[in-house]
Amino acid sequence: MTPAKRALDLVFALGLTVILMPVGVLISLLVLLCDGRPVFHVAERMKTPDQGFFLWKFRTMRPSPADIGVSGGDKSVRITPLGRILRRSRLDEMPQLLNVLRGDISLVGPRPPLRRYVERFPGLYAQVLEQRPGLTGLATLVYHRTEERLLAACSTAEQTESVYIRRCIPRKARLDLIYAARRSIGLDLRLILGTVFRFLLP
């Protein structure tokens, strides 16, 4: 990560953390009152092919000890009513600003993958994770809604895993590599603005 990109991350993440802190406190109280503990969902993601970190989100699902892989239609029954609102507004991802401040992720980059997929496709993720993972990115803006639609139609964990591996990973990786080839502060700013507009006009 270049010094300019890190500086951009810090300026935006610090500013957003200060501005959104009252919202974050309110969401924390709502999750605690409506769904109980834990307030946060903390899961391992990868920032390099061999280095993991813990990604933070507000909890939107009832916990399950057997929870593995990405979320699809097979897990929809576990999403709480408040969790659906948080997911639809993307407010569940607000705690990831702390991951940006820590340097685990950048504001813009490929979404950080689960270890299971990095280990299954080491050659692919060796290329993708040459860039620091991000809170948003080209693949997020272009493919996120398609991915949600594809996975929501899955009724079993096996089907979710198959669809994600066959139809989502290759397409997202292609977009991530396009971003890597064209990355610049200007492109990062455009992707941040695109994310803001999508948030305001879902």
N, C-alpha and C. Protein backbone atom coordinates (compact mmCIF):
# COMPACT_ATOMS: atom_id res chain seq x y z
N MET A 1 0.85 -1.19 0.00
CA MET A 1 0.00 0.00 0.00
C MET A 1 0.88 1.24 0.00
N THR A 2 0.58 2.17 -0.89
CA THR A 2 1.38 3.38 -0.98
C THR A 2 1.04 4.32 0.17
N PRO A 3 1.96 5.23 0.53
CA PRO A 3 1.67 6.22 1.58
C PRO A 3 0.44 7.06 1.27
N ALA A 4 0.26 7.42 -0.02
CA ALA A 4 -0.90 8.23 -0.39
C ALA A 4 -2.21 7.48 -0.15
N LYS A 5 -2.22 6.20 -0.51
CA LYS A 5 -3.43 5.39 -0.30
C LYS A 5 -3.72 5.22 1.19
N ARG A 6 -2.67 5.00 1.97
CA ARG A 6 -2.86 4.86 3.42
C ARG A 6 -3.36 6.17 4.03
N ALA A 7 -2.85 7.29 3.55
CA ALA A 7 -3.30 8.59 4.05
C ALA A 7 -4.77 8.80 3.72
N LEU A 8 -5.17 8.42 2.50
CA LEU A 8 -6.58 8.54 2.11
C LEU A 8 -7.46 7.69 3.03
N ASP A 9 -7.01 6.47 3.30
CA ASP A 9 -7.76 5.58 4.20
C ASP A 9 -7.96 6.23 5.57
N LEU A 10 -6.88 6.76 6.12
CA LEU A 10 -6.94 7.32 7.47
C LEU A 10 -7.85 8.54 7.53
N VAL A 11 -7.74 9.42 6.54
CA VAL A 11 -8.56 10.64 6.53
C VAL A 11 -10.04 10.28 6.45
N PHE A 12 -10.40 9.41 5.48
CA PHE A 12 -11.81 9.05 5.31
C PHE A 12 -12.31 8.23 6.50
N ALA A 13 -11.54 7.25 6.95
CA ALA A 13 -12.00 6.38 8.03
C ALA A 13 -12.15 7.14 9.34
N LEU A 14 -11.21 8.02 9.65
CA LEU A 14 -11.32 8.82 10.88
C LEU A 14 -12.53 9.75 10.81
N GLY A 15 -12.70 10.40 9.67
CA GLY A 15 -13.83 11.31 9.53
C GLY A 15 -15.16 10.58 9.64
N LEU A 16 -15.28 9.45 8.96
CA LEU A 16 -16.53 8.70 9.00
C LEU A 16 -16.79 8.12 10.39
N THR A 17 -15.73 7.69 11.07
CA THR A 17 -15.89 7.14 12.42
C THR A 17 -16.45 8.19 13.37
N VAL A 18 -15.93 9.42 13.29
CA VAL A 18 -16.42 10.50 14.15
C VAL A 18 -17.86 10.84 13.81
N ILE A 19 -18.16 10.98 12.51
CA ILE A 19 -19.51 11.36 12.08
C ILE A 19 -20.54 10.30 12.43
N LEU A 20 -20.15 9.03 12.22
CA LEU A 20 -21.12 7.93 12.38
C LEU A 20 -21.13 7.31 13.77
N MET A 21 -20.31 7.82 14.67
CA MET A 21 -20.24 7.21 16.00
C MET A 21 -21.61 7.16 16.70
N PRO A 22 -22.42 8.25 16.69
CA PRO A 22 -23.74 8.14 17.32
C PRO A 22 -24.62 7.05 16.68
N VAL A 23 -24.52 6.91 15.36
CA VAL A 23 -25.28 5.85 14.67
C VAL A 23 -24.79 4.48 15.12
N GLY A 24 -23.48 4.33 15.24
CA GLY A 24 -22.92 3.06 15.68
C GLY A 24 -23.35 2.69 17.08
N VAL A 25 -23.38 3.68 17.98
CA VAL A 25 -23.83 3.43 19.36
C VAL A 25 -25.31 3.00 19.36
N LEU A 26 -26.12 3.69 18.55
CA LEU A 26 -27.55 3.36 18.47
C LEU A 26 -27.75 1.95 17.94
N ILE A 27 -27.03 1.59 16.88
CA ILE A 27 -27.16 0.24 16.32
C ILE A 27 -26.73 -0.80 17.34
N SER A 28 -25.66 -0.53 18.07
CA SER A 28 -25.18 -1.47 19.09
C SER A 28 -26.27 -1.71 20.14
N LEU A 29 -26.92 -0.64 20.57
CA LEU A 29 -27.99 -0.78 21.57
C LEU A 29 -29.18 -1.54 21.00
N LEU A 30 -29.52 -1.27 19.73
CA LEU A 30 -30.66 -1.97 19.11
C LEU A 30 -30.38 -3.47 18.97
N VAL A 31 -29.16 -3.82 18.55
CA VAL A 31 -28.81 -5.23 18.43
C VAL A 31 -28.87 -5.89 19.80
N LEU A 32 -28.35 -5.21 20.81
CA LEU A 32 -28.35 -5.77 22.17
C LEU A 32 -29.77 -5.96 22.68
N LEU A 33 -30.64 -4.98 22.45
CA LEU A 33 -32.00 -5.05 22.96
C LEU A 33 -32.86 -6.03 22.16
N CYS A 34 -32.69 -6.04 20.84
CA CYS A 34 -33.56 -6.86 19.98
C CYS A 34 -33.07 -8.30 19.86
N ASP A 35 -31.76 -8.48 19.79
CA ASP A 35 -31.21 -9.81 19.47
C ASP A 35 -30.28 -10.36 20.54
N GLY A 36 -29.92 -9.54 21.52
CA GLY A 36 -29.04 -10.01 22.58
C GLY A 36 -27.58 -10.03 22.17
N ARG A 37 -26.79 -10.66 22.99
CA ARG A 37 -25.35 -10.76 22.72
C ARG A 37 -25.08 -11.97 21.82
N PRO A 38 -23.96 -11.92 21.08
CA PRO A 38 -23.01 -10.82 20.94
C PRO A 38 -23.52 -9.75 19.99
N VAL A 39 -23.07 -8.52 20.19
CA VAL A 39 -23.46 -7.41 19.32
C VAL A 39 -22.74 -7.50 17.98
N PHE A 40 -21.50 -7.97 18.02
CA PHE A 40 -20.67 -8.00 16.81
C PHE A 40 -20.48 -9.43 16.32
N HIS A 41 -20.37 -9.54 15.01
CA HIS A 41 -19.95 -10.79 14.38
C HIS A 41 -18.50 -10.60 13.96
N VAL A 42 -17.63 -11.44 14.50
CA VAL A 42 -16.19 -11.34 14.22
C VAL A 42 -15.75 -12.63 13.55
N ALA A 43 -15.19 -12.51 12.35
CA ALA A 43 -14.81 -13.70 11.60
C ALA A 43 -13.47 -13.48 10.92
N GLU A 44 -12.73 -14.56 10.77
CA GLU A 44 -11.42 -14.46 10.12
C GLU A 44 -11.58 -14.22 8.62
N ARG A 45 -10.78 -13.31 8.11
CA ARG A 45 -10.64 -13.08 6.68
C ARG A 45 -9.13 -13.00 6.39
N MET A 46 -8.78 -12.99 5.11
CA MET A 46 -7.37 -12.99 4.73
C MET A 46 -6.99 -11.66 4.09
N LYS A 47 -5.85 -11.10 4.53
CA LYS A 47 -5.36 -9.88 3.89
C LYS A 47 -4.15 -10.15 3.00
N THR A 48 -3.53 -11.30 3.18
CA THR A 48 -2.53 -11.81 2.25
C THR A 48 -2.81 -13.30 2.12
N PRO A 49 -2.19 -14.00 1.17
CA PRO A 49 -2.46 -15.43 1.04
C PRO A 49 -2.15 -16.25 2.29
N ASP A 50 -1.33 -15.72 3.19
CA ASP A 50 -0.99 -16.50 4.39
C ASP A 50 -1.18 -15.73 5.69
N GLN A 51 -1.81 -14.56 5.64
CA GLN A 51 -2.00 -13.76 6.85
C GLN A 51 -3.47 -13.40 7.02
N GLY A 52 -4.05 -13.89 8.12
CA GLY A 52 -5.44 -13.60 8.40
C GLY A 52 -5.61 -12.44 9.38
N PHE A 53 -6.84 -12.00 9.53
CA PHE A 53 -7.18 -10.98 10.51
C PHE A 53 -8.66 -11.16 10.85
N PHE A 54 -9.13 -10.46 11.87
CA PHE A 54 -10.53 -10.59 12.27
C PHE A 54 -11.32 -9.38 11.77
N LEU A 55 -12.32 -9.66 10.93
CA LEU A 55 -13.18 -8.63 10.35
C LEU A 55 -14.41 -8.46 11.23
N TRP A 56 -14.77 -7.20 11.51
CA TRP A 56 -15.87 -6.90 12.41
C TRP A 56 -17.10 -6.44 11.63
N LYS A 57 -18.27 -6.93 12.06
CA LYS A 57 -19.56 -6.46 11.56
C LYS A 57 -20.54 -6.45 12.72
N PHE A 58 -21.61 -5.68 12.58
CA PHE A 58 -22.72 -5.86 13.51
C PHE A 58 -23.38 -7.20 13.20
N ARG A 59 -23.76 -7.92 14.25
CA ARG A 59 -24.36 -9.24 14.05
C ARG A 59 -25.75 -9.09 13.46
N THR A 60 -26.02 -9.85 12.40
CA THR A 60 -27.32 -9.80 11.73
C THR A 60 -28.02 -11.16 11.71
N MET A 61 -27.34 -12.20 12.20
CA MET A 61 -27.90 -13.54 12.16
C MET A 61 -27.83 -14.19 13.53
N ARG A 62 -28.72 -15.13 13.77
CA ARG A 62 -28.60 -15.93 14.98
C ARG A 62 -27.37 -16.83 14.85
N PRO A 63 -26.54 -16.88 15.90
CA PRO A 63 -25.30 -17.66 15.82
C PRO A 63 -25.57 -19.15 15.60
N SER A 64 -24.63 -19.79 14.90
CA SER A 64 -24.69 -21.24 14.70
C SER A 64 -23.28 -21.79 14.75
N PRO A 65 -23.02 -22.80 15.57
CA PRO A 65 -21.66 -23.37 15.64
C PRO A 65 -21.24 -24.05 14.34
N ALA A 66 -22.21 -24.38 13.48
CA ALA A 66 -21.89 -25.07 12.22
C ALA A 66 -21.78 -24.10 11.05
N ASP A 67 -21.70 -22.81 11.34
CA ASP A 67 -21.69 -21.81 10.27
C ASP A 67 -20.34 -21.78 9.56
N ILE A 68 -20.33 -22.14 8.28
CA ILE A 68 -19.11 -22.07 7.47
C ILE A 68 -19.48 -21.52 6.09
N GLY A 69 -18.48 -21.02 5.38
CA GLY A 69 -18.71 -20.56 4.02
C GLY A 69 -19.48 -19.25 3.96
N VAL A 70 -19.81 -18.84 2.73
CA VAL A 70 -20.51 -17.59 2.52
C VAL A 70 -21.99 -17.74 2.83
N SER A 71 -22.68 -16.61 2.94
CA SER A 71 -24.11 -16.62 3.26
C SER A 71 -24.94 -16.72 1.99
N GLY A 72 -25.87 -17.67 2.01
CA GLY A 72 -26.80 -17.84 0.89
C GLY A 72 -28.20 -18.01 1.41
N GLY A 73 -29.10 -18.42 0.52
CA GLY A 73 -30.48 -18.61 0.91
C GLY A 73 -30.65 -19.64 2.01
N ASP A 74 -29.72 -20.58 2.11
CA ASP A 74 -29.80 -21.61 3.13
C ASP A 74 -29.65 -21.04 4.54
N LYS A 75 -29.08 -19.84 4.66
CA LYS A 75 -28.90 -19.22 5.98
C LYS A 75 -29.94 -18.13 6.25
N SER A 76 -30.84 -17.89 5.30
CA SER A 76 -31.74 -16.74 5.42
C SER A 76 -32.66 -16.85 6.64
N VAL A 77 -32.99 -18.07 7.07
CA VAL A 77 -33.88 -18.23 8.22
C VAL A 77 -33.22 -17.75 9.51
N ARG A 78 -31.90 -17.61 9.48
CA ARG A 78 -31.19 -17.17 10.69
C ARG A 78 -31.05 -15.65 10.76
N ILE A 79 -31.40 -14.95 9.69
CA ILE A 79 -31.27 -13.49 9.70
C ILE A 79 -32.40 -12.89 10.54
N THR A 80 -32.05 -12.03 11.48
CA THR A 80 -33.04 -11.42 12.35
C THR A 80 -33.75 -10.27 11.62
N PRO A 81 -34.93 -9.85 12.09
CA PRO A 81 -35.61 -8.71 11.45
C PRO A 81 -34.74 -7.45 11.43
N LEU A 82 -34.08 -7.15 12.54
CA LEU A 82 -33.16 -6.00 12.55
C LEU A 82 -32.00 -6.25 11.61
N GLY A 83 -31.53 -7.49 11.56
CA GLY A 83 -30.41 -7.83 10.69
C GLY A 83 -30.74 -7.58 9.22
N ARG A 84 -31.98 -7.83 8.82
CA ARG A 84 -32.36 -7.58 7.42
C ARG A 84 -32.26 -6.09 7.09
N ILE A 85 -32.66 -5.26 8.03
CA ILE A 85 -32.56 -3.81 7.81
C ILE A 85 -31.11 -3.39 7.71
N LEU A 86 -30.28 -3.90 8.62
CA LEU A 86 -28.86 -3.54 8.61
C LEU A 86 -28.18 -4.02 7.33
N ARG A 87 -28.52 -5.21 6.87
CA ARG A 87 -27.92 -5.72 5.64
C ARG A 87 -28.35 -4.92 4.42
N ARG A 88 -29.63 -4.61 4.37
CA ARG A 88 -30.16 -3.89 3.21
C ARG A 88 -29.52 -2.49 3.11
N SER A 89 -29.25 -1.87 4.25
CA SER A 89 -28.65 -0.54 4.26
C SER A 89 -27.13 -0.58 4.29
N ARG A 90 -26.55 -1.78 4.43
CA ARG A 90 -25.11 -1.99 4.55
C ARG A 90 -24.54 -1.42 5.85
N LEU A 91 -25.41 -1.04 6.79
CA LEU A 91 -24.93 -0.50 8.05
C LEU A 91 -24.26 -1.56 8.91
N ASP A 92 -24.50 -2.84 8.61
CA ASP A 92 -23.84 -3.90 9.37
C ASP A 92 -22.33 -3.87 9.19
N GLU A 93 -21.86 -3.23 8.11
CA GLU A 93 -20.43 -3.20 7.81
C GLU A 93 -19.71 -1.99 8.43
N MET A 94 -20.45 -1.15 9.14
CA MET A 94 -19.84 0.05 9.72
C MET A 94 -18.62 -0.24 10.61
N PRO A 95 -18.65 -1.29 11.46
CA PRO A 95 -17.48 -1.55 12.30
C PRO A 95 -16.19 -1.82 11.52
N GLN A 96 -16.30 -2.11 10.22
CA GLN A 96 -15.09 -2.36 9.43
C GLN A 96 -14.25 -1.10 9.26
N LEU A 97 -14.79 0.07 9.59
CA LEU A 97 -13.96 1.27 9.62
C LEU A 97 -12.80 1.09 10.61
N LEU A 98 -13.04 0.33 11.68
CA LEU A 98 -11.96 0.04 12.63
C LEU A 98 -10.89 -0.83 11.99
N ASN A 99 -11.31 -1.75 11.13
CA ASN A 99 -10.33 -2.55 10.39
C ASN A 99 -9.50 -1.69 9.45
N VAL A 100 -10.15 -0.66 8.87
CA VAL A 100 -9.40 0.26 8.00
C VAL A 100 -8.38 1.04 8.83
N LEU A 101 -8.79 1.54 9.98
CA LEU A 101 -7.88 2.31 10.83
C LEU A 101 -6.71 1.45 11.30
N ARG A 102 -6.96 0.17 11.56
CA ARG A 102 -5.90 -0.74 11.99
C ARG A 102 -4.95 -1.11 10.85
N GLY A 103 -5.39 -0.89 9.61
CA GLY A 103 -4.58 -1.27 8.47
C GLY A 103 -4.82 -2.69 7.98
N ASP A 104 -5.84 -3.36 8.54
CA ASP A 104 -6.18 -4.71 8.07
C ASP A 104 -6.67 -4.66 6.63
N ILE A 105 -7.50 -3.65 6.34
CA ILE A 105 -8.04 -3.47 5.01
C ILE A 105 -7.90 -2.00 4.62
N SER A 106 -8.09 -1.74 3.34
CA SER A 106 -8.12 -0.38 2.83
C SER A 106 -9.58 0.02 2.60
N LEU A 107 -9.81 1.27 2.26
CA LEU A 107 -11.17 1.65 1.87
C LEU A 107 -11.56 0.97 0.56
N VAL A 108 -10.60 0.87 -0.37
CA VAL A 108 -10.88 0.33 -1.70
C VAL A 108 -9.94 -0.83 -1.99
N GLY A 109 -10.51 -1.92 -2.46
CA GLY A 109 -9.72 -3.09 -2.81
C GLY A 109 -10.63 -4.30 -2.93
N PRO A 110 -10.09 -5.46 -3.21
CA PRO A 110 -10.91 -6.68 -3.25
C PRO A 110 -11.47 -6.98 -1.87
N ARG A 111 -12.68 -7.51 -1.82
CA ARG A 111 -13.23 -7.88 -0.52
C ARG A 111 -12.40 -9.02 0.07
N PRO A 112 -12.11 -8.96 1.38
CA PRO A 112 -11.25 -9.97 1.99
C PRO A 112 -11.92 -11.34 2.01
N PRO A 113 -11.27 -12.35 1.47
CA PRO A 113 -11.90 -13.68 1.36
C PRO A 113 -11.72 -14.52 2.63
N LEU A 114 -12.54 -15.54 2.73
CA LEU A 114 -12.38 -16.54 3.79
C LEU A 114 -11.15 -17.39 3.49
N ARG A 115 -10.54 -17.89 4.55
CA ARG A 115 -9.34 -18.72 4.40
C ARG A 115 -9.62 -19.96 3.54
N ARG A 116 -10.82 -20.54 3.66
CA ARG A 116 -11.12 -21.78 2.93
C ARG A 116 -10.99 -21.59 1.42
N TYR A 117 -11.35 -20.41 0.91
CA TYR A 117 -11.28 -20.18 -0.52
C TYR A 117 -9.86 -19.83 -0.97
N VAL A 118 -9.13 -19.14 -0.11
CA VAL A 118 -7.72 -18.84 -0.42
C VAL A 118 -6.92 -20.14 -0.50
N GLU A 119 -7.20 -21.05 0.41
CA GLU A 119 -6.48 -22.33 0.41
C GLU A 119 -6.91 -23.21 -0.76
N ARG A 120 -8.14 -23.07 -1.21
CA ARG A 120 -8.62 -23.89 -2.32
C ARG A 120 -8.11 -23.35 -3.66
N PHE A 121 -7.95 -22.02 -3.77
CA PHE A 121 -7.51 -21.41 -5.02
C PHE A 121 -6.28 -20.53 -4.76
N PRO A 122 -5.17 -21.15 -4.36
CA PRO A 122 -4.00 -20.35 -3.96
C PRO A 122 -3.43 -19.50 -5.09
N GLY A 123 -3.40 -20.04 -6.32
CA GLY A 123 -2.85 -19.27 -7.43
C GLY A 123 -3.66 -18.02 -7.73
N LEU A 124 -4.98 -18.16 -7.72
CA LEU A 124 -5.86 -17.03 -8.00
C LEU A 124 -5.72 -15.95 -6.93
N TYR A 125 -5.78 -16.36 -5.67
CA TYR A 125 -5.74 -15.37 -4.59
C TYR A 125 -4.34 -14.81 -4.36
N ALA A 126 -3.31 -15.51 -4.84
CA ALA A 126 -1.97 -14.91 -4.80
C ALA A 126 -1.94 -13.64 -5.65
N GLN A 127 -2.70 -13.63 -6.74
CA GLN A 127 -2.79 -12.43 -7.59
C GLN A 127 -3.74 -11.40 -6.97
N VAL A 128 -4.92 -11.83 -6.56
CA VAL A 128 -5.92 -10.91 -6.03
C VAL A 128 -5.40 -10.19 -4.79
N LEU A 129 -4.74 -10.93 -3.90
CA LEU A 129 -4.32 -10.36 -2.63
C LEU A 129 -2.95 -9.68 -2.69
N GLU A 130 -2.47 -9.43 -3.91
CA GLU A 130 -1.34 -8.50 -4.03
C GLU A 130 -1.78 -7.09 -3.64
N GLN A 131 -3.10 -6.84 -3.76
CA GLN A 131 -3.68 -5.57 -3.31
C GLN A 131 -4.28 -5.77 -1.92
N ARG A 132 -4.14 -4.76 -1.06
CA ARG A 132 -4.76 -4.84 0.25
C ARG A 132 -6.28 -4.93 0.09
N PRO A 133 -6.93 -5.88 0.74
CA PRO A 133 -8.40 -5.97 0.63
C PRO A 133 -9.05 -4.66 1.06
N GLY A 134 -10.30 -4.47 0.63
CA GLY A 134 -10.96 -3.20 0.89
C GLY A 134 -12.38 -3.32 1.40
N LEU A 135 -12.89 -2.20 1.89
CA LEU A 135 -14.26 -2.08 2.34
C LEU A 135 -15.21 -2.07 1.16
N THR A 136 -14.77 -1.48 0.07
CA THR A 136 -15.52 -1.50 -1.18
C THR A 136 -14.52 -1.63 -2.32
N GLY A 137 -15.02 -1.73 -3.54
CA GLY A 137 -14.11 -1.89 -4.66
C GLY A 137 -14.88 -2.07 -5.96
N LEU A 138 -14.15 -2.28 -7.03
CA LEU A 138 -14.77 -2.45 -8.33
C LEU A 138 -15.69 -3.66 -8.36
N ALA A 139 -15.23 -4.78 -7.84
CA ALA A 139 -16.06 -5.99 -7.83
C ALA A 139 -17.30 -5.79 -6.96
N THR A 140 -17.16 -5.07 -5.85
CA THR A 140 -18.31 -4.81 -4.98
C THR A 140 -19.37 -4.00 -5.71
N LEU A 141 -18.95 -2.95 -6.39
CA LEU A 141 -19.91 -2.10 -7.08
C LEU A 141 -20.55 -2.80 -8.28
N VAL A 142 -19.76 -3.55 -9.03
CA VAL A 142 -20.25 -4.13 -10.28
C VAL A 142 -21.01 -5.43 -10.03
N TYR A 143 -20.54 -6.26 -9.08
CA TYR A 143 -21.05 -7.63 -9.01
C TYR A 143 -21.81 -7.97 -7.73
N HIS A 144 -21.78 -7.08 -6.73
CA HIS A 144 -22.33 -7.45 -5.42
C HIS A 144 -23.81 -7.84 -5.50
N ARG A 145 -24.61 -7.06 -6.21
CA ARG A 145 -26.05 -7.36 -6.28
C ARG A 145 -26.31 -8.67 -7.03
N THR A 146 -25.52 -8.91 -8.07
CA THR A 146 -25.66 -10.18 -8.79
C THR A 146 -25.31 -11.35 -7.88
N GLU A 147 -24.22 -11.20 -7.11
CA GLU A 147 -23.83 -12.25 -6.18
C GLU A 147 -24.93 -12.50 -5.15
N GLU A 148 -25.49 -11.45 -4.60
CA GLU A 148 -26.56 -11.61 -3.62
C GLU A 148 -27.75 -12.36 -4.22
N ARG A 149 -28.11 -12.01 -5.45
CA ARG A 149 -29.24 -12.66 -6.12
C ARG A 149 -28.96 -14.14 -6.36
N LEU A 150 -27.75 -14.45 -6.82
CA LEU A 150 -27.39 -15.84 -7.09
C LEU A 150 -27.40 -16.68 -5.81
N LEU A 151 -26.82 -16.15 -4.75
CA LEU A 151 -26.71 -16.91 -3.52
C LEU A 151 -28.05 -17.00 -2.78
N ALA A 152 -28.89 -15.97 -2.93
CA ALA A 152 -30.19 -15.99 -2.26
C ALA A 152 -31.07 -17.11 -2.80
N ALA A 153 -30.83 -17.52 -4.04
CA ALA A 153 -31.64 -18.59 -4.65
C ALA A 153 -31.21 -19.97 -4.20
N CYS A 154 -30.12 -20.07 -3.46
CA CYS A 154 -29.61 -21.37 -3.02
C CYS A 154 -30.35 -21.83 -1.76
N SER A 155 -30.72 -23.09 -1.73
CA SER A 155 -31.51 -23.61 -0.62
C SER A 155 -30.72 -24.51 0.32
N THR A 156 -29.51 -24.89 -0.07
CA THR A 156 -28.68 -25.74 0.79
C THR A 156 -27.26 -25.17 0.84
N ALA A 157 -26.53 -25.55 1.87
CA ALA A 157 -25.15 -25.09 2.01
C ALA A 157 -24.30 -25.57 0.85
N GLU A 158 -24.56 -26.80 0.38
CA GLU A 158 -23.79 -27.35 -0.73
C GLU A 158 -24.04 -26.56 -2.01
N GLN A 159 -25.29 -26.17 -2.24
CA GLN A 159 -25.61 -25.38 -3.43
C GLN A 159 -24.99 -23.99 -3.35
N THR A 160 -25.04 -23.38 -2.17
CA THR A 160 -24.42 -22.08 -1.98
C THR A 160 -22.93 -22.14 -2.29
N GLU A 161 -22.27 -23.16 -1.76
CA GLU A 161 -20.83 -23.31 -1.97
C GLU A 161 -20.52 -23.50 -3.45
N SER A 162 -21.31 -24.32 -4.13
CA SER A 162 -21.07 -24.59 -5.54
C SER A 162 -21.26 -23.34 -6.39
N VAL A 163 -22.34 -22.61 -6.15
CA VAL A 163 -22.61 -21.39 -6.93
C VAL A 163 -21.54 -20.35 -6.67
N TYR A 164 -21.15 -20.20 -5.42
CA TYR A 164 -20.13 -19.20 -5.09
C TYR A 164 -18.81 -19.53 -5.77
N ILE A 165 -18.41 -20.78 -5.75
CA ILE A 165 -17.14 -21.18 -6.34
C ILE A 165 -17.17 -21.08 -7.87
N ARG A 166 -18.27 -21.51 -8.48
CA ARG A 166 -18.33 -21.55 -9.94
C ARG A 166 -18.63 -20.19 -10.57
N ARG A 167 -19.52 -19.43 -9.94
CA ARG A 167 -20.04 -18.24 -10.62
C ARG A 167 -19.59 -16.92 -10.00
N CYS A 168 -19.22 -16.93 -8.72
CA CYS A 168 -18.87 -15.67 -8.06
C CYS A 168 -17.36 -15.44 -7.97
N ILE A 169 -16.63 -16.41 -7.48
CA ILE A 169 -15.19 -16.21 -7.30
C ILE A 169 -14.50 -15.81 -8.60
N PRO A 170 -14.70 -16.52 -9.72
CA PRO A 170 -13.97 -16.14 -10.95
C PRO A 170 -14.32 -14.74 -11.44
N ARG A 171 -15.59 -14.36 -11.38
CA ARG A 171 -16.00 -13.05 -11.89
C ARG A 171 -15.49 -11.93 -11.00
N LYS A 172 -15.57 -12.11 -9.69
CA LYS A 172 -15.05 -11.08 -8.79
C LYS A 172 -13.54 -10.95 -8.93
N ALA A 173 -12.86 -12.06 -9.06
CA ALA A 173 -11.40 -12.02 -9.21
C ALA A 173 -11.01 -11.28 -10.48
N ARG A 174 -11.75 -11.49 -11.57
CA ARG A 174 -11.46 -10.80 -12.83
C ARG A 174 -11.58 -9.29 -12.64
N LEU A 175 -12.63 -8.85 -11.94
CA LEU A 175 -12.82 -7.43 -11.68
C LEU A 175 -11.74 -6.89 -10.74
N ASP A 176 -11.36 -7.68 -9.75
CA ASP A 176 -10.30 -7.26 -8.83
C ASP A 176 -8.98 -7.06 -9.57
N LEU A 177 -8.70 -7.91 -10.53
CA LEU A 177 -7.45 -7.79 -11.29
C LEU A 177 -7.50 -6.61 -12.26
N ILE A 178 -8.69 -6.29 -12.77
CA ILE A 178 -8.84 -5.08 -13.58
C ILE A 178 -8.54 -3.86 -12.72
N TYR A 179 -9.08 -3.85 -11.50
CA TYR A 179 -8.78 -2.74 -10.57
C TYR A 179 -7.29 -2.64 -10.31
N ALA A 180 -6.64 -3.79 -10.07
CA ALA A 180 -5.21 -3.78 -9.76
C ALA A 180 -4.39 -3.19 -10.90
N ALA A 181 -4.80 -3.47 -12.13
CA ALA A 181 -4.06 -2.97 -13.29
C ALA A 181 -4.25 -1.47 -13.49
N ARG A 182 -5.35 -0.92 -12.96
CA ARG A 182 -5.67 0.49 -13.21
C ARG A 182 -5.68 1.33 -11.94
N ARG A 183 -5.24 0.76 -10.84
CA ARG A 183 -5.39 1.43 -9.54
C ARG A 183 -4.69 2.79 -9.52
N SER A 184 -5.34 3.72 -8.85
CA SER A 184 -4.81 5.06 -8.65
C SER A 184 -5.67 5.72 -7.58
N ILE A 185 -5.18 6.81 -7.01
CA ILE A 185 -5.96 7.54 -6.02
C ILE A 185 -7.24 8.07 -6.67
N GLY A 186 -7.13 8.51 -7.92
CA GLY A 186 -8.33 9.00 -8.61
C GLY A 186 -9.38 7.93 -8.77
N LEU A 187 -8.97 6.71 -9.13
CA LEU A 187 -9.92 5.61 -9.26
C LEU A 187 -10.52 5.26 -7.90
N ASP A 188 -9.69 5.26 -6.86
CA ASP A 188 -10.21 4.99 -5.51
C ASP A 188 -11.29 5.99 -5.13
N LEU A 189 -11.05 7.27 -5.42
CA LEU A 189 -12.04 8.29 -5.08
C LEU A 189 -13.34 8.08 -5.85
N ARG A 190 -13.24 7.69 -7.12
CA ARG A 190 -14.45 7.43 -7.91
C ARG A 190 -15.22 6.24 -7.35
N LEU A 191 -14.51 5.20 -6.93
CA LEU A 191 -15.19 4.03 -6.37
C LEU A 191 -15.82 4.35 -5.01
N ILE A 192 -15.16 5.19 -4.22
CA ILE A 192 -15.75 5.61 -2.94
C ILE A 192 -17.03 6.39 -3.19
N LEU A 193 -16.98 7.32 -4.14
CA LEU A 193 -18.18 8.11 -4.47
C LEU A 193 -19.29 7.21 -5.01
N GLY A 194 -18.92 6.24 -5.84
CA GLY A 194 -19.91 5.30 -6.36
C GLY A 194 -20.58 4.52 -5.25
N THR A 195 -19.80 4.14 -4.24
CA THR A 195 -20.35 3.41 -3.10
C THR A 195 -21.30 4.29 -2.30
N VAL A 196 -20.93 5.55 -2.10
CA VAL A 196 -21.79 6.48 -1.37
C VAL A 196 -23.12 6.66 -2.08
N PHE A 197 -23.08 6.86 -3.41
CA PHE A 197 -24.31 7.05 -4.18
C PHE A 197 -25.17 5.78 -4.13
N ARG A 198 -24.54 4.63 -4.18
CA ARG A 198 -25.32 3.39 -4.11
C ARG A 198 -25.96 3.25 -2.73
N PHE A 199 -25.25 3.70 -1.70
CA PHE A 199 -25.79 3.65 -0.34
C PHE A 199 -26.98 4.60 -0.20
N LEU A 200 -26.87 5.80 -0.80
CA LEU A 200 -27.95 6.78 -0.69
C LEU A 200 -29.12 6.47 -1.60
N LEU A 201 -28.81 5.82 -2.76
CA LEU A 201 -29.85 5.51 -3.74
C LEU A 201 -29.83 4.02 -4.04
N PRO A 202 -30.25 3.17 -3.09
CA PRO A 202 -30.16 1.72 -3.27
C PRO A 202 -31.07 1.24 -4.40
